[in-house]
């Protein structure tokens, strides 16, 4: 069996968001063994509060210490490689997603990417938490809500679960996210804020204080698009929204989305959407009775 060298990364494209199913708290004594499972059809998130668990998934063995988490896949066999050597207290939580997800061998080797409107939730397969007490408190809130069948309890469970994922995602990004991801996200945020302006590669580089070529390489790696391609896609999405929710002229929408010339906007939109701006709007227009 392989001992873990590089921690794999789980990526979930959102929307849709992963959703909570059930959770429980367990205490094992010395010699107790965590039960094995296969093809459960749901992710199993383990959080050790005290002691340690030794879990094998596939050909890889994980030793999960106090204050650490491990996410087990829904489509593989996992089992305890050995019994507990001390009292071990841990939480387990089952969740699932109907969206795309993948597990990559490293943070750099991945196929799923976020874009100008889809977010990539990225969680390490295993991680040591900087504030395990806060995570323990979240689990306690989830347990309390799970004891009730009211509508309010349902929302509390889901919200607390998403807060847990957010905490894990942000902690990983702060401590271990690759530089390319941080650069690409900074660039994307700037482009989305300033899409109405004329943003050149040089002005973007000046804003981020990085070479434009480096920014472009980072965005291609993370979003599969150069800064200008990303900007154009975001402008097209904003133009579609304005065509549907306003009665503004095509010329005004062109200006509002960063185009200096209306013919250029109309040509670009038609190439992107397969319809002219007015034809696109007509799809969603109801004639008066």
Protein backbone atom coordinates (compact mmCIF):
# COMPACT_ATOMS: atom_id res chain seq x y z
CA UNK A 1 0.00 0.00 0.00
CA UNK A 2 1.19 3.50 -0.84
CA UNK A 3 1.92 6.07 1.84
CA UNK A 4 0.76 9.54 0.81
CA UNK A 5 3.47 11.82 -0.59
CA UNK A 6 1.51 14.54 -2.38
CA UNK A 7 -2.00 15.30 -1.16
CA UNK A 8 -4.54 15.04 -4.01
CA UNK A 9 -6.99 17.86 -4.62
CA UNK A 10 -10.76 17.48 -4.97
CA UNK A 11 -12.42 20.03 -7.26
CA UNK A 12 -16.19 20.65 -7.37
CA UNK A 13 -17.64 22.99 -9.99
CA UNK A 14 -20.36 25.18 -8.52
CA UNK A 15 -23.19 25.77 -9.13
CA UNK A 16 -24.60 23.33 -8.18
CA UNK A 17 -23.32 23.34 -4.61
CA UNK A 18 -22.45 20.10 -2.80
CA UNK A 19 -25.20 19.24 -0.33
CA UNK A 20 -25.26 17.72 3.15
CA UNK A 21 -26.85 14.29 3.70
CA UNK A 22 -26.11 13.10 7.25
CA UNK A 23 -23.49 13.24 10.01
CA UNK A 24 -22.60 11.56 13.27
CA UNK A 25 -19.99 11.54 16.05
CA UNK A 26 -18.10 8.37 17.05
CA UNK A 27 -15.78 7.32 19.85
CA UNK A 28 -13.50 4.29 19.42
CA UNK A 29 -11.46 2.59 22.09
CA UNK A 30 -8.09 0.83 21.63
CA UNK A 31 -8.49 -2.04 19.18
CA UNK A 32 -11.73 -0.75 17.64
CA UNK A 33 -11.82 -0.81 13.84
CA UNK A 34 -13.56 1.63 11.51
CA UNK A 35 -15.93 -0.35 9.23
CA UNK A 36 -15.06 -0.79 5.58
CA UNK A 37 -17.31 0.50 2.80
CA UNK A 38 -17.44 0.26 -0.98
CA UNK A 39 -19.27 2.32 -3.63
CA UNK A 40 -21.31 4.26 -1.06
CA UNK A 41 -22.43 6.80 -3.64
CA UNK A 42 -21.60 9.73 -1.37
CA UNK A 43 -18.49 11.51 -0.09
CA UNK A 44 -17.38 10.72 3.46
CA UNK A 45 -15.71 13.62 5.30
CA UNK A 46 -13.88 12.54 8.46
CA UNK A 47 -12.72 14.98 11.14
CA UNK A 48 -10.64 13.60 14.04
CA UNK A 49 -11.02 15.45 17.35
CA UNK A 50 -8.84 13.15 19.45
CA UNK A 51 -6.58 10.17 18.72
CA UNK A 52 -6.07 8.97 15.14
CA UNK A 53 -7.59 6.89 12.35
CA UNK A 54 -5.67 4.85 9.79
CA UNK A 55 -7.78 4.52 6.64
CA UNK A 56 -6.94 2.90 3.32
CA UNK A 57 -8.74 3.98 0.15
CA UNK A 58 -7.77 2.09 -2.98
CA UNK A 59 -4.00 1.61 -2.76
CA UNK A 60 -3.32 4.60 -0.51
CA UNK A 61 -3.20 4.64 3.28
CA UNK A 62 -4.00 7.79 5.24
CA UNK A 63 -3.17 8.45 8.88
CA UNK A 64 -5.60 11.09 10.15
CA UNK A 65 -4.46 12.75 13.38
CA UNK A 66 -6.35 15.02 15.78
CA UNK A 67 -7.29 18.31 14.07
CA UNK A 68 -7.12 16.78 10.59
CA UNK A 69 -9.70 15.91 7.94
CA UNK A 70 -9.92 13.27 5.22
CA UNK A 71 -12.40 13.14 2.33
CA UNK A 72 -13.19 9.66 1.00
CA UNK A 73 -14.59 9.24 -2.49
CA UNK A 74 -18.08 7.86 -3.23
CA UNK A 75 -16.84 5.37 -5.82
CA UNK A 76 -13.98 3.53 -4.09
CA UNK A 77 -13.50 0.97 -1.34
CA UNK A 78 -12.16 2.22 1.98
CA UNK A 79 -11.41 0.40 5.21
CA UNK A 80 -9.40 0.68 8.43
CA UNK A 81 -5.83 -0.46 7.83
CA UNK A 82 -5.38 -1.06 11.55
CA UNK A 83 -7.34 -0.76 14.77
CA UNK A 84 -7.17 2.29 16.98
CA UNK A 85 -4.21 2.35 19.39
CA UNK A 86 -5.83 4.92 21.71
CA UNK A 87 -9.20 6.48 22.40
CA UNK A 88 -10.25 8.18 19.20
CA UNK A 89 -13.08 10.67 18.82
CA UNK A 90 -14.12 11.74 15.36
CA UNK A 91 -16.98 13.10 13.27
CA UNK A 92 -18.14 11.78 9.92
CA UNK A 93 -20.26 13.65 7.43
CA UNK A 94 -21.76 12.39 4.18
CA UNK A 95 -22.32 14.77 1.30
CA UNK A 96 -22.89 14.60 -2.44
CA UNK A 97 -23.02 16.76 -5.54
CA UNK A 98 -24.91 16.47 -8.80
CA UNK A 99 -22.32 18.67 -10.49
CA UNK A 100 -18.96 17.84 -12.00
CA UNK A 101 -16.09 16.89 -9.71
CA UNK A 102 -12.66 15.34 -9.96
CA UNK A 103 -9.72 14.25 -7.85
CA UNK A 104 -6.33 15.26 -9.20
CA UNK A 105 -2.94 14.03 -8.13
CA UNK A 106 -1.69 17.56 -7.48
CA UNK A 107 -2.97 21.12 -7.50
CA UNK A 108 -1.41 21.73 -10.91
CA UNK A 109 -2.80 18.66 -12.69
CA UNK A 110 -6.52 19.23 -13.08
CA UNK A 111 -9.11 19.34 -15.84
CA UNK A 112 -12.03 21.12 -14.17
CA UNK A 113 -11.75 24.89 -14.09
CA UNK A 114 -13.94 27.72 -12.95
CA UNK A 115 -14.68 30.53 -15.36
CA UNK A 116 -16.27 33.96 -15.36
CA UNK A 117 -19.39 32.72 -13.53
CA UNK A 118 -18.70 29.16 -12.29
CA UNK A 119 -16.64 28.75 -9.11
CA UNK A 120 -14.25 25.86 -8.53
CA UNK A 121 -14.49 24.68 -4.91
CA UNK A 122 -11.14 23.05 -4.19
CA UNK A 123 -10.52 20.92 -1.11
CA UNK A 124 -7.42 18.90 -0.29
CA UNK A 125 -8.02 15.21 0.18
CA UNK A 126 -6.53 15.56 3.65
CA UNK A 127 -5.59 18.67 5.60
CA UNK A 128 -4.51 19.85 9.04
CA UNK A 129 -6.82 22.60 10.23
CA UNK A 130 -5.45 25.77 11.80
CA UNK A 131 -8.56 26.14 13.98
CA UNK A 132 -10.01 22.68 14.68
CA UNK A 133 -12.12 24.02 17.56
CA UNK A 134 -14.10 26.14 15.10
CA UNK A 135 -14.70 23.08 12.91
CA UNK A 136 -15.79 21.08 15.97
CA UNK A 137 -18.29 23.84 16.81
CA UNK A 138 -19.71 23.66 13.27
CA UNK A 139 -20.19 19.92 13.58
CA UNK A 140 -22.00 20.48 16.88
CA UNK A 141 -24.35 22.92 15.16
CA UNK A 142 -25.00 20.37 12.40
CA UNK A 143 -25.80 17.67 14.97
CA UNK A 144 -28.19 19.95 16.81
CA UNK A 145 -30.01 20.78 13.58
CA UNK A 146 -30.04 17.12 12.49
CA UNK A 147 -32.09 16.29 15.57
CA UNK A 148 -35.02 18.27 14.21
CA UNK A 149 -37.14 17.70 11.11
CA UNK A 150 -38.35 21.29 10.80
CA UNK A 151 -37.78 23.40 7.70
CA UNK A 152 -35.53 25.73 9.71
CA UNK A 153 -33.35 22.81 10.77
CA UNK A 154 -32.91 21.76 7.13
CA UNK A 155 -31.57 25.18 6.18
CA UNK A 156 -29.35 25.27 9.27
CA UNK A 157 -27.76 21.94 8.35
CA UNK A 158 -27.08 22.99 4.77
CA UNK A 159 -25.79 26.43 5.73
CA UNK A 160 -23.46 25.03 8.38
CA UNK A 161 -22.16 22.42 5.95
CA UNK A 162 -21.44 25.05 3.29
CA UNK A 163 -19.74 27.19 5.93
CA UNK A 164 -17.51 24.20 6.68
CA UNK A 165 -16.60 23.78 3.00
CA UNK A 166 -15.94 27.52 2.71
CA UNK A 167 -13.63 27.40 5.73
CA UNK A 168 -11.68 24.46 4.30
CA UNK A 169 -11.51 25.99 0.83
CA UNK A 170 -10.28 29.35 2.09
CA UNK A 171 -7.73 27.82 4.45
CA UNK A 172 -6.28 25.70 1.65
CA UNK A 173 -6.09 28.72 -0.66
CA UNK A 174 -4.38 30.85 1.98
CA UNK A 175 -1.76 28.25 2.86
CA UNK A 176 -1.23 25.96 -0.14
CA UNK A 177 -2.88 27.29 -3.29
CA UNK A 178 -0.50 27.44 -6.24
CA UNK A 179 0.72 30.89 -7.25
CA UNK A 180 -0.95 30.57 -10.66
CA UNK A 181 -4.37 30.24 -9.04
CA UNK A 182 -3.89 33.31 -6.85
CA UNK A 183 -2.68 35.40 -9.81
CA UNK A 184 -5.50 34.22 -12.10
CA UNK A 185 -8.17 34.97 -9.50
CA UNK A 186 -6.78 38.44 -8.84
CA UNK A 187 -6.76 39.14 -12.57
CA UNK A 188 -10.30 37.79 -13.01
CA UNK A 189 -11.60 39.93 -10.15
CA UNK A 190 -10.05 43.05 -11.68
CA UNK A 191 -11.46 42.27 -15.14
CA UNK A 192 -14.98 41.69 -13.78
CA UNK A 193 -14.85 44.95 -11.83
CA UNK A 194 -13.56 46.98 -14.79
CA UNK A 195 -15.18 45.26 -17.78
CA UNK A 196 -16.80 48.53 -18.87
CA UNK A 197 -13.36 50.10 -19.32
CA UNK A 198 -10.68 49.51 -21.93
CA UNK A 199 -8.43 47.04 -20.11
CA UNK A 200 -5.24 46.18 -21.94
CA UNK A 201 -2.77 43.46 -21.00
CA UNK A 202 -0.35 46.21 -20.04
CA UNK A 203 -2.81 48.01 -17.75
CA UNK A 204 -3.71 44.68 -16.14
CA UNK A 205 -0.03 43.96 -15.60
CA UNK A 206 0.49 47.41 -14.10
CA UNK A 207 -2.44 46.87 -11.72
CA UNK A 208 -1.18 43.47 -10.54
CA UNK A 209 2.49 44.52 -10.77
CA UNK A 210 3.26 41.42 -12.81
CA UNK A 211 4.41 40.81 -16.38
CA UNK A 212 1.42 40.51 -18.75
CA UNK A 213 2.78 37.29 -20.25
CA UNK A 214 2.94 35.70 -16.80
CA UNK A 215 -0.63 36.76 -16.01
CA UNK A 216 -1.77 35.27 -19.32
CA UNK A 217 -0.06 31.95 -18.60
CA UNK A 218 -1.71 31.80 -15.17
CA UNK A 219 -5.18 32.53 -16.56
CA UNK A 220 -4.81 29.93 -19.30
CA UNK A 221 -3.78 27.36 -16.69
CA UNK A 222 -6.67 28.17 -14.34
CA UNK A 223 -9.48 29.34 -16.67
CA UNK A 224 -8.34 28.02 -20.07
CA UNK A 225 -8.59 31.59 -21.41
CA UNK A 226 -6.28 34.55 -21.85
CA UNK A 227 -7.18 37.77 -20.01
CA UNK A 228 -8.71 39.26 -23.15
CA UNK A 229 -10.70 36.09 -23.89
CA UNK A 230 -11.93 36.00 -20.30
CA UNK A 231 -12.89 39.69 -20.49
CA UNK A 232 -14.78 39.17 -23.74
CA UNK A 233 -16.74 36.21 -22.35
CA UNK A 234 -17.68 38.21 -19.27
CA UNK A 235 -18.77 41.17 -21.44
CA UNK A 236 -20.95 38.85 -23.54
CA UNK A 237 -22.66 37.49 -20.44
CA UNK A 238 -23.35 41.01 -19.20
CA UNK A 239 -24.67 41.99 -22.63
CA UNK A 240 -27.10 39.05 -22.61
CA UNK A 241 -28.42 40.12 -19.21
CA UNK A 242 -28.92 43.71 -20.37
CA UNK A 243 -30.69 42.61 -23.56
CA UNK A 244 -33.16 40.59 -21.50
CA UNK A 245 -33.81 42.87 -18.53
CA UNK A 246 -33.70 46.33 -20.15
CA UNK A 247 -35.13 48.02 -23.22
CA UNK A 248 -31.88 49.86 -23.86
CA UNK A 249 -30.73 50.29 -27.43
CA UNK A 250 -27.99 48.06 -28.79
CA UNK A 251 -25.74 51.12 -28.95
CA UNK A 252 -26.17 51.80 -25.23
CA UNK A 253 -25.59 48.16 -24.30
CA UNK A 254 -22.41 48.22 -26.39
CA UNK A 255 -21.13 51.19 -24.39
CA UNK A 256 -22.22 49.66 -21.07
CA UNK A 257 -20.21 46.51 -21.80
CA UNK A 258 -17.00 48.20 -22.85
CA UNK A 259 -17.35 48.48 -26.64
CA UNK A 260 -16.48 51.75 -28.30
CA UNK A 261 -18.26 50.95 -31.57
CA UNK A 262 -21.71 49.42 -31.95
CA UNK A 263 -20.92 47.47 -35.17
CA UNK A 264 -17.97 45.82 -33.41
CA UNK A 265 -20.21 44.85 -30.51
CA UNK A 266 -22.94 43.47 -32.78
CA UNK A 267 -20.45 41.46 -34.82
CA UNK A 268 -18.74 40.04 -31.73
CA UNK A 269 -22.06 39.19 -30.07
CA UNK A 270 -23.33 37.42 -33.20
CA UNK A 271 -20.16 35.34 -33.41
CA UNK A 272 -20.48 34.42 -29.75
CA UNK A 273 -24.24 33.76 -29.47
CA UNK A 274 -25.09 32.75 -33.03
CA UNK A 275 -27.72 35.50 -33.10
CA UNK A 276 -27.65 39.26 -33.46
CA UNK A 277 -28.33 41.26 -30.28
CA UNK A 278 -31.88 42.08 -31.42
CA UNK A 279 -32.58 38.47 -32.41
CA UNK A 280 -31.32 37.35 -29.00
CA UNK A 281 -33.62 39.84 -27.26
CA UNK A 282 -36.61 38.81 -29.36
CA UNK A 283 -36.37 35.25 -27.98
CA UNK A 284 -37.39 36.60 -24.59
CA UNK A 285 -39.84 39.29 -25.68
CA UNK A 286 -43.60 38.76 -25.43
CA UNK A 287 -45.75 40.72 -27.87
CA UNK A 288 -48.54 42.73 -26.19
CA UNK A 289 -52.05 41.28 -26.49
